[in-house]
Amino acid sequence: MSNVTNLNQFRKTKARAEKRAKADENAVKFGRTKAQKALEKAQAEKAKRDLDGKSTT
C-alpha cells in the first residue's frame, strides 16, 4: 500500500519553503551585517554631532 499524503500539509510545507527561499534571496540582495549597521549608525551620529557643533544660532 502507498502512504497517505495530506494535501493541505504538503501545500503549507511547499509555501513555507518558497517563502524561506525568497527571504534568503532578499537577505543576500538587501541585507547588511550587524557590523555594517553599527558603522552606519556611528557615522550618522558623528555627522549629526559635527553639524550641531558648527551651527551658529
N, C-alpha and C. Protein backbone atom coordinates (compact mmCIF):
# COMPACT_ATOMS: atom_id res chain seq x y z
N MET A 1 0.82 -1.19 0.00
CA MET A 1 0.00 0.00 0.00
C MET A 1 0.87 1.25 0.00
N SER A 2 0.32 2.30 -0.55
CA SER A 2 1.05 3.56 -0.58
C SER A 2 0.73 4.38 0.66
N ASN A 3 1.57 5.33 0.93
CA ASN A 3 1.35 6.20 2.09
C ASN A 3 0.31 7.26 1.74
N VAL A 4 -0.47 7.63 2.74
CA VAL A 4 -1.49 8.66 2.56
C VAL A 4 -0.81 10.01 2.74
N THR A 5 -1.08 10.92 1.79
CA THR A 5 -0.48 12.24 1.84
C THR A 5 -1.56 13.28 2.12
N ASN A 6 -1.33 14.09 3.14
CA ASN A 6 -2.25 15.17 3.46
C ASN A 6 -1.91 16.34 2.55
N LEU A 7 -2.79 16.66 1.63
CA LEU A 7 -2.51 17.70 0.64
C LEU A 7 -2.39 19.08 1.27
N ASN A 8 -3.16 19.36 2.31
CA ASN A 8 -3.05 20.66 2.98
C ASN A 8 -1.67 20.82 3.62
N GLN A 9 -1.21 19.78 4.26
CA GLN A 9 0.11 19.82 4.88
C GLN A 9 1.19 19.97 3.81
N PHE A 10 1.05 19.26 2.72
CA PHE A 10 2.01 19.36 1.62
C PHE A 10 2.04 20.78 1.06
N ARG A 11 0.87 21.39 0.87
CA ARG A 11 0.77 22.73 0.33
C ARG A 11 1.42 23.75 1.28
N LYS A 12 1.16 23.60 2.58
CA LYS A 12 1.74 24.53 3.55
C LYS A 12 3.25 24.38 3.62
N THR A 13 3.75 23.16 3.57
CA THR A 13 5.19 22.92 3.60
C THR A 13 5.85 23.53 2.38
N LYS A 14 5.23 23.37 1.23
CA LYS A 14 5.77 23.94 0.00
C LYS A 14 5.78 25.47 0.07
N ALA A 15 4.71 26.06 0.59
CA ALA A 15 4.63 27.52 0.72
C ALA A 15 5.70 28.04 1.67
N ARG A 16 5.93 27.32 2.78
CA ARG A 16 6.97 27.73 3.72
C ARG A 16 8.34 27.69 3.08
N ALA A 17 8.61 26.66 2.32
CA ALA A 17 9.90 26.52 1.65
C ALA A 17 10.12 27.66 0.64
N GLU A 18 9.07 27.99 -0.11
CA GLU A 18 9.18 29.08 -1.08
C GLU A 18 9.41 30.41 -0.38
N LYS A 19 8.70 30.62 0.73
CA LYS A 19 8.84 31.86 1.48
C LYS A 19 10.25 31.97 2.06
N ARG A 20 10.77 30.87 2.57
CA ARG A 20 12.12 30.86 3.13
C ARG A 20 13.15 31.14 2.05
N ALA A 21 12.96 30.57 0.87
CA ALA A 21 13.89 30.79 -0.24
C ALA A 21 13.87 32.26 -0.66
N LYS A 22 12.69 32.85 -0.71
CA LYS A 22 12.57 34.26 -1.07
C LYS A 22 13.24 35.14 -0.01
N ALA A 23 13.07 34.80 1.26
CA ALA A 23 13.69 35.57 2.34
C ALA A 23 15.21 35.48 2.27
N ASP A 24 15.73 34.30 1.99
CA ASP A 24 17.18 34.14 1.85
C ASP A 24 17.71 34.96 0.68
N GLU A 25 16.97 34.96 -0.41
CA GLU A 25 17.36 35.74 -1.58
C GLU A 25 17.38 37.23 -1.26
N ASN A 26 16.37 37.70 -0.55
CA ASN A 26 16.32 39.11 -0.17
C ASN A 26 17.41 39.47 0.83
N ALA A 27 17.74 38.54 1.71
CA ALA A 27 18.80 38.80 2.69
C ALA A 27 20.13 39.00 1.98
N VAL A 28 20.37 38.23 0.95
CA VAL A 28 21.61 38.39 0.19
C VAL A 28 21.59 39.70 -0.59
N LYS A 29 20.44 40.02 -1.15
CA LYS A 29 20.33 41.20 -2.00
C LYS A 29 20.35 42.50 -1.19
N PHE A 30 19.62 42.55 -0.08
CA PHE A 30 19.42 43.79 0.65
C PHE A 30 20.02 43.80 2.05
N GLY A 31 20.40 42.66 2.55
CA GLY A 31 20.82 42.56 3.95
C GLY A 31 22.16 43.20 4.24
N ARG A 32 22.29 43.63 5.48
CA ARG A 32 23.55 44.19 5.94
C ARG A 32 23.92 43.45 7.22
N THR A 33 25.21 43.33 7.48
CA THR A 33 25.64 42.66 8.69
C THR A 33 25.44 43.61 9.87
N LYS A 34 25.52 43.04 11.06
CA LYS A 34 25.37 43.84 12.27
C LYS A 34 26.47 44.90 12.35
N ALA A 35 27.67 44.54 11.94
CA ALA A 35 28.80 45.48 11.96
C ALA A 35 28.55 46.64 11.00
N GLN A 36 28.01 46.35 9.83
CA GLN A 36 27.72 47.42 8.87
C GLN A 36 26.66 48.37 9.42
N LYS A 37 25.63 47.82 10.06
CA LYS A 37 24.58 48.66 10.64
C LYS A 37 25.16 49.55 11.74
N ALA A 38 26.02 48.99 12.59
CA ALA A 38 26.63 49.77 13.67
C ALA A 38 27.52 50.87 13.11
N LEU A 39 28.28 50.56 12.07
CA LEU A 39 29.15 51.56 11.46
C LEU A 39 28.33 52.71 10.88
N GLU A 40 27.27 52.40 10.16
CA GLU A 40 26.44 53.44 9.58
C GLU A 40 25.77 54.29 10.65
N LYS A 41 25.35 53.66 11.75
CA LYS A 41 24.73 54.40 12.84
C LYS A 41 25.76 55.34 13.47
N ALA A 42 26.97 54.86 13.69
CA ALA A 42 28.03 55.68 14.28
C ALA A 42 28.37 56.85 13.36
N GLN A 43 28.44 56.60 12.06
CA GLN A 43 28.74 57.68 11.11
C GLN A 43 27.64 58.73 11.11
N ALA A 44 26.38 58.31 11.18
CA ALA A 44 25.26 59.25 11.20
C ALA A 44 25.28 60.08 12.48
N GLU A 45 25.59 59.44 13.62
CA GLU A 45 25.65 60.18 14.88
C GLU A 45 26.80 61.20 14.85
N LYS A 46 27.94 60.82 14.29
CA LYS A 46 29.08 61.73 14.21
C LYS A 46 28.75 62.91 13.30
N ALA A 47 28.10 62.64 12.18
CA ALA A 47 27.71 63.71 11.27
C ALA A 47 26.75 64.67 11.96
N LYS A 48 25.83 64.15 12.75
CA LYS A 48 24.87 64.99 13.48
C LYS A 48 25.59 65.83 14.52
N ARG A 49 26.53 65.22 15.26
CA ARG A 49 27.29 65.97 16.26
C ARG A 49 28.11 67.07 15.59
N ASP A 50 28.76 66.73 14.47
CA ASP A 50 29.57 67.73 13.76
C ASP A 50 28.70 68.89 13.28
N LEU A 51 27.54 68.57 12.78
CA LEU A 51 26.65 69.61 12.27
C LEU A 51 26.14 70.47 13.42
N ASP A 52 25.78 69.85 14.55
CA ASP A 52 25.32 70.61 15.71
C ASP A 52 26.43 71.49 16.27
N GLY A 53 27.65 71.04 16.22
CA GLY A 53 28.77 71.81 16.74
C GLY A 53 29.10 73.02 15.89
N LYS A 54 28.75 73.00 14.63
CA LYS A 54 29.09 74.08 13.71
C LYS A 54 27.96 75.10 13.54
N SER A 55 26.81 74.81 14.10
CA SER A 55 25.69 75.73 13.91
C SER A 55 25.91 76.99 14.74
N THR A 56 25.54 78.10 14.18
CA THR A 56 25.69 79.40 14.86
C THR A 56 24.31 80.05 14.93
N THR A 57 23.61 79.76 16.03
CA THR A 57 22.28 80.34 16.21
C THR A 57 22.28 81.38 17.26
